[in-house]
């Protein structure tokens, strides 16, 4: 089960970032079993679970929620290794607006 928020429409900068990391993604694919290529769909993962769960009540409860505003000052490219023990590694980190 995965609960996520789609980023629609995706800002042009996200498409540019995806295109920039595409060659690196090819190198990562050599390290893991092959799987079909999927189209780029920017999103923010909110929750992930292994046990089948019905999250419809949670989604309904949060449907009108608008959290506090905040300013992002960095962007991070995260590599997710899912499995028995999920692991996440920061591949790169860049200042926003400052290069």
N, C-alpha and C. Protein backbone atom coordinates (compact mmCIF):
# COMPACT_ATOMS: atom_id res chain seq x y z
N UNK A 1 0.83 -1.16 0.00
CA UNK A 1 0.00 0.00 0.00
C UNK A 1 0.89 1.23 0.00
N UNK A 2 0.53 2.20 -0.82
CA UNK A 2 1.29 3.44 -0.89
C UNK A 2 0.31 4.59 -0.94
N UNK A 3 0.51 5.58 -0.10
CA UNK A 3 -0.30 6.78 -0.09
C UNK A 3 0.59 7.92 -0.54
N UNK A 4 0.19 8.60 -1.62
CA UNK A 4 1.02 9.67 -2.15
C UNK A 4 0.15 10.79 -2.67
N UNK A 5 0.78 11.94 -2.86
CA UNK A 5 0.13 13.11 -3.44
C UNK A 5 0.83 13.37 -4.77
N UNK A 6 0.05 13.39 -5.84
CA UNK A 6 0.62 13.69 -7.16
C UNK A 6 0.89 15.18 -7.26
N UNK A 7 1.93 15.54 -7.99
CA UNK A 7 2.26 16.95 -8.23
C UNK A 7 1.76 17.27 -9.63
N UNK A 8 0.61 17.93 -9.68
CA UNK A 8 0.00 18.24 -10.97
C UNK A 8 -0.42 19.70 -11.03
N UNK A 9 -0.15 20.34 -12.12
CA UNK A 9 0.77 19.90 -13.16
C UNK A 9 2.20 20.01 -12.64
N UNK A 10 3.07 19.11 -13.08
CA UNK A 10 4.44 19.18 -12.60
C UNK A 10 5.15 20.43 -13.12
N UNK A 11 5.87 21.12 -12.25
CA UNK A 11 6.64 22.28 -12.73
C UNK A 11 7.68 21.83 -13.77
N UNK A 12 7.96 22.69 -14.72
CA UNK A 12 8.92 22.36 -15.78
C UNK A 12 10.27 21.93 -15.19
N UNK A 13 10.65 22.54 -14.07
CA UNK A 13 11.95 22.21 -13.46
C UNK A 13 12.02 20.75 -13.06
N UNK A 14 10.90 20.14 -12.65
CA UNK A 14 10.93 18.71 -12.29
C UNK A 14 11.18 17.85 -13.52
N UNK A 15 10.60 18.21 -14.64
CA UNK A 15 10.87 17.48 -15.87
C UNK A 15 12.32 17.61 -16.29
N UNK A 16 12.89 18.80 -16.10
CA UNK A 16 14.30 19.01 -16.42
C UNK A 16 15.19 18.19 -15.50
N UNK A 17 14.84 18.12 -14.22
CA UNK A 17 15.62 17.32 -13.28
C UNK A 17 15.53 15.85 -13.65
N UNK A 18 14.35 15.37 -13.99
CA UNK A 18 14.18 13.97 -14.37
C UNK A 18 15.03 13.65 -15.60
N UNK A 19 15.04 14.54 -16.57
CA UNK A 19 15.85 14.32 -17.77
C UNK A 19 17.34 14.30 -17.44
N UNK A 20 17.74 15.15 -16.48
CA UNK A 20 19.16 15.22 -16.11
C UNK A 20 19.63 13.96 -15.40
N UNK A 21 18.75 13.29 -14.63
CA UNK A 21 19.17 12.09 -13.91
C UNK A 21 18.90 10.81 -14.68
N UNK A 22 18.26 10.91 -15.83
CA UNK A 22 17.95 9.71 -16.62
C UNK A 22 19.19 8.87 -16.93
N UNK A 23 20.32 9.47 -17.32
CA UNK A 23 21.51 8.64 -17.58
C UNK A 23 22.00 7.90 -16.33
N UNK A 24 21.90 8.54 -15.17
CA UNK A 24 22.32 7.90 -13.92
C UNK A 24 21.40 6.75 -13.59
N UNK A 25 20.11 6.93 -13.84
CA UNK A 25 19.14 5.87 -13.57
C UNK A 25 19.51 4.61 -14.34
N UNK A 26 20.04 4.78 -15.54
CA UNK A 26 20.48 3.63 -16.32
C UNK A 26 21.59 2.86 -15.62
N UNK A 27 22.48 3.57 -14.95
CA UNK A 27 23.56 2.91 -14.20
C UNK A 27 23.01 2.16 -13.00
N UNK A 28 22.01 2.73 -12.32
CA UNK A 28 21.40 2.06 -11.17
C UNK A 28 20.71 0.78 -11.60
N UNK A 29 20.14 0.79 -12.79
CA UNK A 29 19.39 -0.39 -13.23
C UNK A 29 20.29 -1.62 -13.35
N UNK A 30 21.60 -1.39 -13.53
CA UNK A 30 22.53 -2.52 -13.60
C UNK A 30 22.69 -3.19 -12.23
N UNK A 31 22.36 -2.47 -11.17
CA UNK A 31 22.56 -2.98 -9.82
C UNK A 31 21.34 -3.70 -9.25
N UNK A 32 20.24 -3.66 -9.95
CA UNK A 32 19.03 -4.31 -9.43
C UNK A 32 18.34 -5.05 -10.56
N UNK A 33 17.44 -5.94 -10.21
CA UNK A 33 16.73 -6.69 -11.26
C UNK A 33 16.00 -5.75 -12.20
N UNK A 34 15.93 -6.14 -13.43
CA UNK A 34 15.26 -5.33 -14.44
C UNK A 34 13.76 -5.26 -14.16
N UNK A 35 13.22 -4.10 -14.40
CA UNK A 35 11.77 -3.94 -14.32
C UNK A 35 11.35 -2.96 -15.40
N UNK A 36 10.10 -3.03 -15.79
CA UNK A 36 9.66 -2.18 -16.90
C UNK A 36 9.83 -0.69 -16.58
N UNK A 37 10.17 0.06 -17.60
CA UNK A 37 10.29 1.50 -17.46
C UNK A 37 8.90 2.10 -17.32
N UNK A 38 8.77 3.06 -16.44
CA UNK A 38 7.49 3.72 -16.23
C UNK A 38 7.63 5.19 -16.55
N UNK A 39 6.54 5.83 -16.96
CA UNK A 39 6.63 7.27 -17.22
C UNK A 39 6.89 8.04 -15.93
N UNK A 40 7.52 9.19 -16.06
CA UNK A 40 7.83 10.05 -14.92
C UNK A 40 6.53 10.62 -14.35
N UNK A 41 6.30 10.39 -13.06
CA UNK A 41 5.12 10.91 -12.37
C UNK A 41 5.57 11.50 -11.03
N UNK A 42 5.85 12.80 -11.00
CA UNK A 42 6.33 13.39 -9.75
C UNK A 42 5.27 13.28 -8.66
N UNK A 43 5.73 12.96 -7.45
CA UNK A 43 4.80 12.77 -6.33
C UNK A 43 5.55 12.92 -5.02
N UNK A 44 4.78 13.03 -3.96
CA UNK A 44 5.31 13.04 -2.61
C UNK A 44 4.71 11.85 -1.89
N UNK A 45 5.54 10.90 -1.50
CA UNK A 45 5.04 9.72 -0.79
C UNK A 45 4.78 10.09 0.66
N UNK A 46 3.57 9.83 1.13
CA UNK A 46 3.18 10.13 2.49
C UNK A 46 3.29 8.92 3.40
N UNK A 47 2.99 7.74 2.86
CA UNK A 47 3.04 6.52 3.66
C UNK A 47 3.21 5.34 2.74
N UNK A 48 3.81 4.29 3.30
CA UNK A 48 4.02 3.05 2.55
C UNK A 48 3.82 1.93 3.55
N UNK A 49 3.13 0.89 3.13
CA UNK A 49 2.90 -0.22 4.04
C UNK A 49 2.88 -1.54 3.30
N UNK A 50 3.18 -2.61 3.99
CA UNK A 50 3.23 -3.95 3.39
C UNK A 50 1.92 -4.70 3.58
N UNK A 51 1.25 -4.45 4.67
CA UNK A 51 0.03 -5.19 4.96
C UNK A 51 -1.11 -4.59 4.13
N UNK A 52 -1.88 -5.40 3.44
CA UNK A 52 -3.02 -4.81 2.73
C UNK A 52 -3.85 -3.99 3.70
N UNK A 53 -4.13 -2.77 3.32
CA UNK A 53 -4.87 -1.87 4.19
C UNK A 53 -5.85 -1.06 3.38
N UNK A 54 -6.95 -0.73 3.99
CA UNK A 54 -7.94 0.13 3.37
C UNK A 54 -7.72 1.54 3.91
N UNK A 55 -7.13 2.40 3.11
CA UNK A 55 -6.79 3.75 3.54
C UNK A 55 -7.84 4.77 3.12
N UNK A 56 -8.97 4.32 2.61
CA UNK A 56 -9.98 5.27 2.12
C UNK A 56 -10.45 6.23 3.20
N UNK A 57 -10.65 5.76 4.43
CA UNK A 57 -11.10 6.65 5.51
C UNK A 57 -10.04 7.72 5.79
N UNK A 58 -8.78 7.34 5.78
CA UNK A 58 -7.70 8.30 5.99
C UNK A 58 -7.65 9.32 4.87
N UNK A 59 -7.80 8.86 3.65
CA UNK A 59 -7.78 9.76 2.50
C UNK A 59 -8.95 10.73 2.60
N UNK A 60 -10.13 10.25 2.95
CA UNK A 60 -11.30 11.14 3.11
C UNK A 60 -11.05 12.16 4.21
N UNK A 61 -10.49 11.71 5.33
CA UNK A 61 -10.25 12.61 6.46
C UNK A 61 -9.26 13.72 6.10
N UNK A 62 -8.32 13.42 5.23
CA UNK A 62 -7.29 14.40 4.87
C UNK A 62 -7.60 15.16 3.58
N UNK A 63 -8.72 14.85 2.93
CA UNK A 63 -8.99 15.40 1.60
C UNK A 63 -9.03 16.92 1.57
N UNK A 64 -9.48 17.58 2.60
CA UNK A 64 -9.53 19.04 2.60
C UNK A 64 -8.40 19.70 3.36
N UNK A 65 -7.49 18.89 3.89
CA UNK A 65 -6.42 19.43 4.72
C UNK A 65 -5.43 20.25 3.91
N UNK A 66 -5.12 21.41 4.43
CA UNK A 66 -4.07 22.24 3.85
C UNK A 66 -3.11 22.56 4.98
N UNK A 67 -1.95 21.97 4.95
CA UNK A 67 -0.97 22.16 6.01
C UNK A 67 -0.38 23.55 5.99
N UNK A 68 0.47 23.82 6.95
CA UNK A 68 1.11 25.14 7.01
C UNK A 68 2.03 25.33 5.81
N UNK A 69 2.19 26.58 5.42
CA UNK A 69 3.10 26.85 4.31
C UNK A 69 4.54 26.83 4.85
N UNK A 70 5.47 26.52 3.98
CA UNK A 70 6.87 26.50 4.33
C UNK A 70 7.67 26.76 3.08
N UNK A 71 8.88 27.19 3.26
CA UNK A 71 9.75 27.50 2.14
C UNK A 71 10.86 26.46 2.08
N UNK A 72 10.95 25.80 0.95
CA UNK A 72 12.02 24.82 0.74
C UNK A 72 13.27 25.57 0.31
N UNK A 73 14.42 25.24 0.91
CA UNK A 73 15.66 25.90 0.53
C UNK A 73 16.64 24.95 -0.15
N UNK A 74 16.30 23.64 -0.17
CA UNK A 74 17.14 22.65 -0.83
C UNK A 74 16.26 21.62 -1.52
N UNK A 75 16.81 20.99 -2.52
CA UNK A 75 16.12 19.85 -3.15
C UNK A 75 17.06 18.66 -3.03
N UNK A 76 16.47 17.50 -2.84
CA UNK A 76 17.26 16.29 -2.63
C UNK A 76 16.78 15.22 -3.60
N UNK A 77 17.72 14.52 -4.18
CA UNK A 77 17.42 13.37 -5.01
C UNK A 77 17.66 12.14 -4.13
N UNK A 78 16.59 11.37 -3.90
CA UNK A 78 16.64 10.23 -2.99
C UNK A 78 16.50 8.93 -3.77
N UNK A 79 17.38 7.99 -3.48
CA UNK A 79 17.28 6.66 -4.06
C UNK A 79 16.62 5.75 -3.04
N UNK A 80 15.49 5.17 -3.40
CA UNK A 80 14.75 4.28 -2.49
C UNK A 80 15.06 2.84 -2.84
N UNK A 81 15.46 2.08 -1.85
CA UNK A 81 15.64 0.63 -2.00
C UNK A 81 14.60 -0.03 -1.14
N UNK A 82 13.57 -0.51 -1.80
CA UNK A 82 12.48 -1.13 -1.06
C UNK A 82 12.76 -2.61 -0.90
N UNK A 83 12.18 -3.21 0.06
CA UNK A 83 12.40 -4.62 0.33
C UNK A 83 12.04 -4.90 1.77
N UNK A 84 12.59 -5.98 2.32
CA UNK A 84 12.30 -6.33 3.71
C UNK A 84 12.64 -5.18 4.65
N UNK A 85 13.76 -4.53 4.41
CA UNK A 85 14.17 -3.38 5.23
C UNK A 85 14.42 -2.20 4.28
N UNK A 86 13.40 -1.35 4.04
CA UNK A 86 13.59 -0.24 3.10
C UNK A 86 14.74 0.66 3.53
N UNK A 87 15.48 1.13 2.53
CA UNK A 87 16.59 2.04 2.79
C UNK A 87 16.51 3.20 1.81
N UNK A 88 16.87 4.35 2.30
CA UNK A 88 16.83 5.56 1.49
C UNK A 88 18.18 6.24 1.58
N UNK A 89 18.69 6.66 0.43
CA UNK A 89 20.00 7.32 0.40
C UNK A 89 19.89 8.60 -0.41
N UNK A 90 20.50 9.66 0.09
CA UNK A 90 20.54 10.91 -0.65
C UNK A 90 21.62 10.81 -1.71
N UNK A 91 21.21 10.93 -2.96
CA UNK A 91 22.14 10.85 -4.08
C UNK A 91 22.78 12.22 -4.33
N UNK A 92 21.99 13.26 -4.16
CA UNK A 92 22.50 14.62 -4.35
C UNK A 92 21.60 15.60 -3.64
N UNK A 93 22.14 16.77 -3.35
CA UNK A 93 21.40 17.81 -2.68
C UNK A 93 21.84 19.15 -3.26
N UNK A 94 20.88 20.00 -3.60
CA UNK A 94 21.18 21.26 -4.24
C UNK A 94 20.38 22.37 -3.60
N UNK A 95 21.01 23.54 -3.46
CA UNK A 95 20.32 24.72 -2.96
C UNK A 95 19.31 25.16 -4.00
N UNK A 96 18.19 25.66 -3.55
CA UNK A 96 17.18 26.19 -4.47
C UNK A 96 17.44 27.69 -4.61
N UNK A 97 17.54 28.10 -5.85
CA UNK A 97 17.74 29.51 -6.12
C UNK A 97 19.17 29.99 -5.96
N UNK A 98 20.02 29.15 -5.40
CA UNK A 98 21.40 29.58 -5.20
C UNK A 98 22.40 28.75 -5.95
N UNK A 99 21.91 27.84 -6.80
CA UNK A 99 22.84 27.02 -7.58
C UNK A 99 22.97 25.72 -7.03
